[in-house]
C-alpha atoms as a PDB file:
ATOM      1  CA  MET A   1      13.964 -21.775  16.137  1.00  0.00           C
ATOM      2  CA  SER A   2      15.954 -22.616  19.194  1.00  0.00           C
ATOM      3  CA  LYS A   3      12.893 -22.035  21.368  1.00  0.00           C
ATOM      4  CA  VAL A   4      10.892 -24.335  19.177  1.00  0.00           C
ATOM      5  CA  GLY A   5      13.628 -27.065  19.292  1.00  0.00           C
ATOM      6  CA  ASP A   6      13.701 -27.055  23.161  1.00  0.00           C
ATOM      7  CA  GLY A   7      10.078 -26.985  23.605  1.00  0.00           C
ATOM      8  CA  SER A   8       9.850 -23.463  25.359  1.00  0.00           C
ATOM      9  CA  LEU A   9       7.975 -22.099  22.325  1.00  0.00           C
ATOM     10  CA  PRO A  10       5.280 -24.024  20.321  1.00  0.00           C
ATOM     11  CA  ALA A  11       5.961 -24.589  16.648  1.00  0.00           C
ATOM     12  CA  GLN A  12       2.501 -23.141  15.838  1.00  0.00           C
ATOM     13  CA  ASN A  13       3.726 -19.672  17.319  1.00  0.00           C
ATOM     14  CA  TRP A  14       6.884 -19.637  15.440  1.00  0.00           C
ATOM     15  CA  LEU A  15       5.144 -20.685  12.311  1.00  0.00           C
ATOM     16  CA  ALA A  16       2.665 -17.947  12.469  1.00  0.00           C
ATOM     17  CA  ALA A  17       5.332 -15.265  12.867  1.00  0.00           C
ATOM     18  CA  ALA A  18       7.193 -16.852   9.900  1.00  0.00           C
ATOM     19  CA  GLU A  19       3.950 -16.748   8.006  1.00  0.00           C
ATOM     20  CA  ARG A  20       3.383 -13.253   8.552  1.00  0.00           C
ATOM     21  CA  VAL A  21       7.175 -12.604   7.074  1.00  0.00           C
ATOM     22  CA  LEU A  22       6.135 -14.687   3.942  1.00  0.00           C
ATOM     23  CA  THR A  23       2.757 -12.582   3.473  1.00  0.00           C
ATOM     24  CA  LEU A  24       4.892  -9.561   3.848  1.00  0.00           C
ATOM     25  CA  SER A  25       7.447 -10.638   1.412  1.00  0.00           C
ATOM     26  CA  ASP A  26       4.833 -11.689  -1.058  1.00  0.00           C
ATOM     27  CA  SER A  27       2.887  -8.468  -0.927  1.00  0.00           C
ATOM     28  CA  VAL A  28       2.799  -5.581  -3.302  1.00  0.00           C
ATOM     29  CA  ALA A  29       4.643  -3.716  -0.518  1.00  0.00           C
ATOM     30  CA  GLY A  30       7.033  -6.280  -0.176  1.00  0.00           C
ATOM     31  CA  ALA A  31       7.906  -6.403  -3.790  1.00  0.00           C
ATOM     32  CA  LYS A  32       8.536  -2.692  -3.685  1.00  0.00           C
ATOM     33  CA  THR A  33      10.763  -2.878  -0.859  1.00  0.00           C
ATOM     34  CA  ALA A  34      12.742  -5.666  -2.591  1.00  0.00           C
ATOM     35  CA  ARG A  35      13.206  -3.671  -5.909  1.00  0.00           C
ATOM     36  CA  ARG A  36      13.773  -0.373  -3.966  1.00  0.00           C
ATOM     37  CA  PHE A  37      16.307  -1.365  -1.549  1.00  0.00           C
ATOM     38  CA  GLY A  38      17.499  -4.709  -2.915  1.00  0.00           C
ATOM     39  CA  THR A  39      16.065  -6.763  -0.037  1.00  0.00           C
ATOM     40  CA  ASP A  40      16.673 -10.371  -0.457  1.00  0.00           C
ATOM     41  CA  TRP A  41      13.516 -12.111   1.016  1.00  0.00           C
ATOM     42  CA  THR A  42      15.267 -15.495   1.086  1.00  0.00           C
ATOM     43  CA  GLU A  43      17.554 -14.454   3.855  1.00  0.00           C
ATOM     44  CA  VAL A  44      14.885 -13.442   6.238  1.00  0.00           C
ATOM     45  CA  LEU A  45      14.227 -16.829   7.712  1.00  0.00           C
ATOM     46  CA  PRO A  46      16.566 -18.976   9.279  1.00  0.00           C
ATOM     47  CA  MET A  47      17.087 -21.685   6.716  1.00  0.00           C
ATOM     48  CA  LYS A  48      19.715 -23.584   8.514  1.00  0.00           C
ATOM     49  CA  GLU A  49      17.812 -24.175  11.655  1.00  0.00           C
ATOM     50  CA  ILE A  50      14.583 -24.867   9.333  1.00  0.00           C
ATOM     51  CA  VAL A  51      16.497 -27.444   7.336  1.00  0.00           C
ATOM     52  CA  GLY A  52      17.774 -29.039  10.649  1.00  0.00           C
ATOM     53  CA  SER A  53      14.557 -29.167  12.338  1.00  0.00           C
ATOM     54  CA  SER A  54      12.532 -32.385  13.200  1.00  0.00           C
ATOM     55  CA  THR A  55       9.642 -30.824  14.656  1.00  0.00           C
ATOM     56  CA  SER A  56       6.714 -32.258  12.230  1.00  0.00           C
ATOM     57  CA  LYS A  57       5.147 -28.871  11.876  1.00  0.00           C
ATOM     58  CA  ILE A  58       8.344 -27.299  10.872  1.00  0.00           C
ATOM     59  CA  VAL A  59       8.946 -29.985   8.451  1.00  0.00           C
ATOM     60  CA  SER A  60       5.844 -29.751   6.774  1.00  0.00           C
ATOM     61  CA  PHE A  61       6.460 -25.839   6.488  1.00  0.00           C
ATOM     62  CA  ARG A  62       9.969 -26.578   4.857  1.00  0.00           C
ATOM     63  CA  ASP A  63       8.686 -29.091   2.620  1.00  0.00           C
ATOM     64  CA  ARG A  64       5.474 -27.456   1.375  1.00  0.00           C
ATOM     65  CA  ARG A  65       4.950 -23.877   2.095  1.00  0.00           C
ATOM     66  CA  LEU A  66       8.678 -22.753   1.431  1.00  0.00           C
ATOM     67  CA  PRO A  67       8.982 -23.976  -2.134  1.00  0.00           C
ATOM     68  CA  ARG A  68       5.799 -22.132  -3.105  1.00  0.00           C
ATOM     69  CA  TRP A  69       7.043 -19.145  -1.543  1.00  0.00           C
ATOM     70  CA  ARG A  70      10.468 -19.287  -3.110  1.00  0.00           C
ATOM     71  CA  SER A  71       8.773 -19.529  -6.736  1.00  0.00           C
ATOM     72  CA  LYS A  72       6.606 -16.405  -6.063  1.00  0.00           C
ATOM     73  CA  ILE A  73       9.481 -14.210  -4.850  1.00  0.00           C
ATOM     74  CA  VAL A  74      12.215 -15.218  -7.026  1.00  0.00           C
ATOM     75  CA  SER A  75      11.168 -12.419  -9.401  1.00  0.00           C
ATOM     76  CA  TYR A  76      11.693  -9.984  -6.499  1.00  0.00           C
ATOM     77  CA  VAL A  77      15.257 -11.145  -5.713  1.00  0.00           C
ATOM     78  CA  ARG A  78      17.810  -8.838  -7.400  1.00  0.00           C
ATOM     79  CA  GLY A  79      21.174 -10.422  -8.513  1.00  0.00           C
ATOM     80  CA  VAL A  80      20.522 -13.717  -7.064  1.00  0.00           C
ATOM     81  CA  ALA A  81      20.262 -16.708  -9.225  1.00  0.00           C
ATOM     82  CA  PRO A  82      17.193 -19.169  -8.530  1.00  0.00           C
ATOM     83  CA  SER A  83      19.480 -21.922  -7.850  1.00  0.00           C
ATOM     84  CA  ALA A  84      21.219 -20.030  -5.029  1.00  0.00           C
ATOM     85  CA  ILE A  85      17.589 -19.380  -3.356  1.00  0.00           C
ATOM     86  CA  GLY A  86      17.268 -23.199  -2.632  1.00  0.00           C
END
């Protein structure tokens, strides 16, 4: 995220990588991993940096894609209350 902020990495490249992580976490393999190892998928993204970003594509990702993702994976997160996920 810091490279997106300083302009050395296009936001689109960072978003493509983040989308791959979200797709994995939302997959059958991701659900099995979460259940088997207690993986908390909500901790894989740099949320402080995402929240603090003013880059329009990151803001759109934060406001549109992340809420849908959170609602899907909340059932995979062990021992974390939905309110703690964001």
